[in-house]
Amino acid sequence: MERIILTVIAATLALGGLVSASPSAHALPRCRRCGRPPGLRNSSRPRTDELGLLPPSPNPYPATLNEIHQRFVLEAPEQTRERRSLIFEALRLHVAMMRRLFKHCRIWLAGGFVTHKADPPRDADLAFLLPARLMSHALSQTALPLWTLADVTGRIGAGGPLGLTPRLQPCLGLTDSFLVNSESLANVEYWRRLWSSVIDRSGAATVRTKGFVEVVDD
């Protein structure tokens, strides 16, 4: 992910830098009939393209966990479903813990898990958008295990062997989780661009873009 992030930063700068936007630009458009944003419901389901990607959209596609399970586990290519089922269980637990700790939180879900690619996804990419006043709590001992950590050194138990890893992901590595200040428009736009980017097998950003998902309550 670090390599991907650096690649997308370079691509963003080449395109003219981060775009500022008003808060209303990040609000989800809502259906006039039901009042809910158009998402992965059966009546308005966006189709994946020939590469298994959701079509590009200026806003994430809202979906409940049940809808995500239906679309990206049960309806995914058969050879990927076993891995996807494991990732989904980790995703459900991760989201439940976040919602317990933070009531004011938007959850953006991206990566190979929200595609129908033929290869099994490695994990679920998550960006949690929190207001600035909750940043210190997000870095507390209670919440720290919910984030992807870099350059981690620690002992296994008190006085146990010393371990070191360049990267430690939550949920046994099945989720890849990042913290976003929702009050920083540049920060939000950066993650919108990153989650919309299409990365090739070498880790380089392509000119294509794709859609991603916002996890919403039932």
Protein backbone atom coordinates (compact mmCIF):
# COMPACT_ATOMS: atom_id res chain seq x y z
CA MET A 1 0.00 0.00 0.00
CA GLU A 2 2.88 2.42 0.73
CA ARG A 3 4.14 2.05 -2.83
CA ILE A 4 0.63 2.51 -4.20
CA ILE A 5 0.09 5.64 -2.10
CA LEU A 6 3.35 7.20 -3.32
CA THR A 7 2.46 6.32 -6.91
CA VAL A 8 -0.96 7.96 -6.63
CA ILE A 9 0.54 11.08 -5.03
CA ALA A 10 2.82 11.44 -8.02
CA ALA A 11 -0.07 10.90 -10.41
CA THR A 12 -2.18 13.45 -8.53
CA LEU A 13 0.56 16.07 -8.70
CA ALA A 14 0.94 15.42 -12.39
CA LEU A 15 -2.76 16.08 -12.85
CA GLY A 16 -2.57 19.43 -11.14
CA GLY A 17 -2.60 18.65 -7.44
CA LEU A 18 -5.35 18.07 -4.94
CA VAL A 19 -8.71 19.66 -5.66
CA SER A 20 -10.44 21.69 -2.97
CA ALA A 21 -14.17 21.16 -2.58
CA SER A 22 -17.00 22.39 -0.45
CA PRO A 23 -18.44 20.05 2.20
CA SER A 24 -21.57 19.60 0.08
CA ALA A 25 -19.43 18.12 -2.68
CA HIS A 26 -18.79 15.12 -0.43
CA ALA A 27 -22.43 14.55 0.51
CA LEU A 28 -24.12 11.52 -1.00
CA PRO A 29 -26.88 12.31 -3.52
CA ARG A 30 -30.22 10.85 -2.45
CA CYS A 31 -33.02 9.13 -4.28
CA ARG A 32 -36.12 11.33 -4.54
CA ARG A 33 -38.41 8.34 -4.01
CA CYS A 34 -36.84 6.62 -0.97
CA GLY A 35 -34.48 9.28 0.35
CA ARG A 36 -31.50 6.90 0.27
CA PRO A 37 -28.41 7.44 -1.89
CA PRO A 38 -28.29 5.22 -5.01
CA GLY A 39 -26.00 2.31 -4.26
CA LEU A 40 -25.83 -1.46 -4.63
CA ARG A 41 -29.57 -2.06 -4.27
CA ASN A 42 -31.15 -4.48 -6.76
CA SER A 43 -33.12 -1.66 -8.41
CA SER A 44 -30.07 0.46 -9.21
CA ARG A 45 -27.09 -1.87 -9.16
CA PRO A 46 -24.04 -0.60 -11.04
CA ARG A 47 -22.53 -3.30 -13.21
CA THR A 48 -18.86 -4.15 -13.08
CA ASP A 49 -16.90 -3.66 -16.28
CA GLU A 50 -14.82 -6.21 -18.21
CA LEU A 51 -12.08 -5.95 -15.58
CA GLY A 52 -14.52 -6.51 -12.71
CA LEU A 53 -14.42 -2.87 -11.56
CA LEU A 54 -17.30 -0.69 -10.42
CA PRO A 55 -17.93 2.20 -12.83
CA PRO A 56 -16.34 5.54 -11.87
CA SER A 57 -18.55 7.80 -9.77
CA PRO A 58 -18.06 11.23 -8.14
CA ASN A 59 -19.42 9.70 -4.92
CA PRO A 60 -18.94 6.27 -3.33
CA TYR A 61 -21.69 3.70 -3.79
CA PRO A 62 -23.48 3.29 -0.43
CA ALA A 63 -24.11 -0.28 0.67
CA THR A 64 -24.99 -2.12 3.85
CA LEU A 65 -22.88 -5.04 5.02
CA ASN A 66 -25.60 -7.41 3.82
CA GLU A 67 -25.51 -5.85 0.36
CA ILE A 68 -21.71 -6.00 0.33
CA HIS A 69 -21.81 -9.69 1.25
CA GLN A 70 -24.33 -10.41 -1.50
CA ARG A 71 -22.46 -8.49 -4.19
CA PHE A 72 -18.82 -9.18 -3.36
CA VAL A 73 -18.97 -12.64 -1.80
CA LEU A 74 -21.99 -14.60 -3.03
CA GLU A 75 -22.01 -13.09 -6.54
CA ALA A 76 -18.22 -12.90 -6.96
CA PRO A 77 -16.30 -15.34 -9.18
CA GLU A 78 -16.60 -18.79 -7.63
CA GLN A 79 -12.87 -19.39 -7.26
CA THR A 80 -12.56 -16.27 -5.07
CA ARG A 81 -15.46 -16.85 -2.69
CA GLU A 82 -13.62 -18.78 0.01
CA ARG A 83 -11.08 -16.01 0.46
CA ARG A 84 -13.77 -13.36 0.19
CA SER A 85 -15.79 -15.03 2.94
CA LEU A 86 -12.81 -14.79 5.31
CA ILE A 87 -12.24 -11.15 4.41
CA PHE A 88 -15.91 -10.33 4.88
CA GLU A 89 -15.97 -11.80 8.40
CA ALA A 90 -12.96 -9.66 9.28
CA LEU A 91 -14.60 -6.63 7.65
CA ARG A 92 -17.81 -7.12 9.62
CA LEU A 93 -15.91 -7.35 12.92
CA HIS A 94 -13.74 -4.34 12.07
CA VAL A 95 -16.74 -2.19 11.18
CA ALA A 96 -18.58 -3.26 14.34
CA MET A 97 -15.63 -2.25 16.52
CA MET A 98 -15.28 1.10 14.78
CA ARG A 99 -18.96 1.88 15.16
CA ARG A 100 -18.78 0.98 18.83
CA LEU A 101 -15.87 3.36 19.42
CA PHE A 102 -16.85 6.15 17.04
CA LYS A 103 -20.45 7.14 16.34
CA HIS A 104 -19.49 9.88 13.87
CA CYS A 105 -17.57 7.88 11.30
CA ARG A 106 -17.81 7.38 7.55
CA ILE A 107 -16.36 4.16 6.16
CA TRP A 108 -14.97 3.92 2.64
CA LEU A 109 -14.29 0.44 1.29
CA ALA A 110 -12.08 -0.15 -1.75
CA GLY A 111 -9.48 -2.44 -3.25
CA GLY A 112 -9.77 -5.81 -4.91
CA PHE A 113 -12.50 -6.93 -2.54
CA VAL A 114 -15.04 -4.57 -4.15
CA THR A 115 -14.35 -5.90 -7.64
CA HIS A 116 -15.21 -9.09 -9.49
CA LYS A 117 -11.68 -9.80 -10.60
CA ALA A 118 -10.77 -13.41 -11.30
CA ASP A 119 -7.98 -13.45 -8.70
CA PRO A 120 -8.89 -13.67 -4.99
CA PRO A 121 -8.40 -10.37 -3.14
CA ARG A 122 -5.70 -10.13 -0.48
CA ASP A 123 -7.65 -7.93 1.93
CA ALA A 124 -10.27 -5.19 2.23
CA ASP A 125 -8.99 -1.61 2.01
CA LEU A 126 -10.68 0.71 4.50
CA ALA A 127 -10.54 4.46 5.08
CA PHE A 128 -12.31 5.73 8.20
CA LEU A 129 -13.28 9.40 8.04
CA LEU A 130 -13.37 10.93 11.52
CA PRO A 131 -13.78 14.55 12.67
CA ALA A 132 -10.69 16.27 14.05
CA ARG A 133 -11.92 16.15 17.65
CA LEU A 134 -11.74 12.33 17.57
CA MET A 135 -8.20 12.05 16.23
CA SER A 136 -6.57 11.71 19.64
CA HIS A 137 -9.03 8.97 20.63
CA ALA A 138 -8.30 7.19 17.34
CA LEU A 139 -4.65 6.98 18.37
CA SER A 140 -5.39 5.72 21.88
CA GLN A 141 -4.35 2.29 23.11
CA THR A 142 -7.93 1.06 22.68
CA ALA A 143 -8.23 2.08 19.02
CA LEU A 144 -4.65 1.57 17.82
CA PRO A 145 -5.15 -2.12 16.87
CA LEU A 146 -7.77 -0.98 14.31
CA TRP A 147 -5.17 0.71 12.07
CA THR A 148 -2.50 -0.53 9.71
CA LEU A 149 0.80 0.20 11.45
CA ALA A 150 4.27 0.62 9.95
CA ASP A 151 7.70 -0.21 11.38
CA VAL A 152 6.35 -2.13 14.37
CA THR A 153 8.69 -3.51 17.02
CA GLY A 154 7.42 -5.43 20.02
CA ARG A 155 7.82 -8.40 22.30
CA ILE A 156 5.57 -11.45 22.34
CA GLY A 157 4.38 -11.24 25.91
CA ALA A 158 6.35 -9.71 28.77
CA GLY A 159 9.99 -10.57 28.29
CA GLY A 160 9.29 -12.73 25.24
CA PRO A 161 11.19 -12.77 21.94
CA LEU A 162 11.47 -9.48 20.10
CA GLY A 163 9.62 -9.17 16.81
CA LEU A 164 9.89 -6.56 14.05
CA THR A 165 7.73 -6.06 10.99
CA PRO A 166 7.59 -3.25 8.43
CA ARG A 167 3.80 -3.56 8.31
CA LEU A 168 1.12 -4.84 10.69
CA GLN A 169 -2.48 -4.97 9.45
CA PRO A 170 -5.61 -5.48 11.58
CA CYS A 171 -7.71 -8.64 11.64
CA LEU A 172 -4.88 -11.08 10.86
CA GLY A 173 -4.01 -9.04 7.78
CA LEU A 174 -7.47 -9.34 6.25
CA THR A 175 -8.18 -5.59 6.47
CA ASP A 176 -5.95 -2.66 5.55
CA SER A 177 -7.14 0.33 7.55
CA PHE A 178 -6.33 4.05 7.41
CA LEU A 179 -7.38 7.14 9.36
CA VAL A 180 -8.70 10.22 7.53
CA ASN A 181 -9.45 13.64 9.00
CA SER A 182 -12.93 14.30 7.60
CA GLU A 183 -12.60 18.06 8.20
CA SER A 184 -9.57 18.36 5.94
CA LEU A 185 -10.91 18.76 2.41
CA ALA A 186 -7.50 18.07 0.89
CA ASN A 187 -7.16 14.90 3.00
CA VAL A 188 -10.61 13.66 2.01
CA GLU A 189 -10.00 14.42 -1.66
CA TYR A 190 -6.64 12.64 -1.55
CA TRP A 191 -8.27 9.43 -0.28
CA ARG A 192 -11.13 9.79 -2.76
CA ARG A 193 -8.58 9.90 -5.58
CA LEU A 194 -6.56 7.03 -4.10
CA TRP A 195 -9.58 4.76 -3.63
CA SER A 196 -10.74 5.63 -7.19
CA SER A 197 -7.40 4.85 -8.77
CA VAL A 198 -6.74 1.69 -10.78
CA ILE A 199 -3.37 0.11 -10.04
CA ASP A 200 -1.63 -2.28 -12.42
CA ARG A 201 0.25 -5.42 -11.34
CA SER A 202 3.50 -3.47 -10.96
CA GLY A 203 1.88 -1.11 -8.42
CA ALA A 204 1.75 1.86 -10.80
CA ALA A 205 -1.36 4.03 -11.13
CA THR A 206 -3.07 3.89 -14.54
CA VAL A 207 -5.17 6.59 -16.24
CA ARG A 208 -8.34 4.64 -15.45
CA THR A 209 -10.56 5.25 -12.44
CA LYS A 210 -13.12 3.06 -10.69
CA GLY A 211 -15.93 3.29 -8.15
CA PHE A 212 -15.71 2.33 -4.49
CA VAL A 213 -18.17 1.73 -1.65
CA GLU A 214 -19.30 3.56 1.48
CA VAL A 215 -20.50 1.22 4.23
CA VAL A 216 -23.83 2.46 5.60
CA ASP A 217 -26.23 1.25 8.27
CA ASP A 218 -29.17 -0.97 7.40
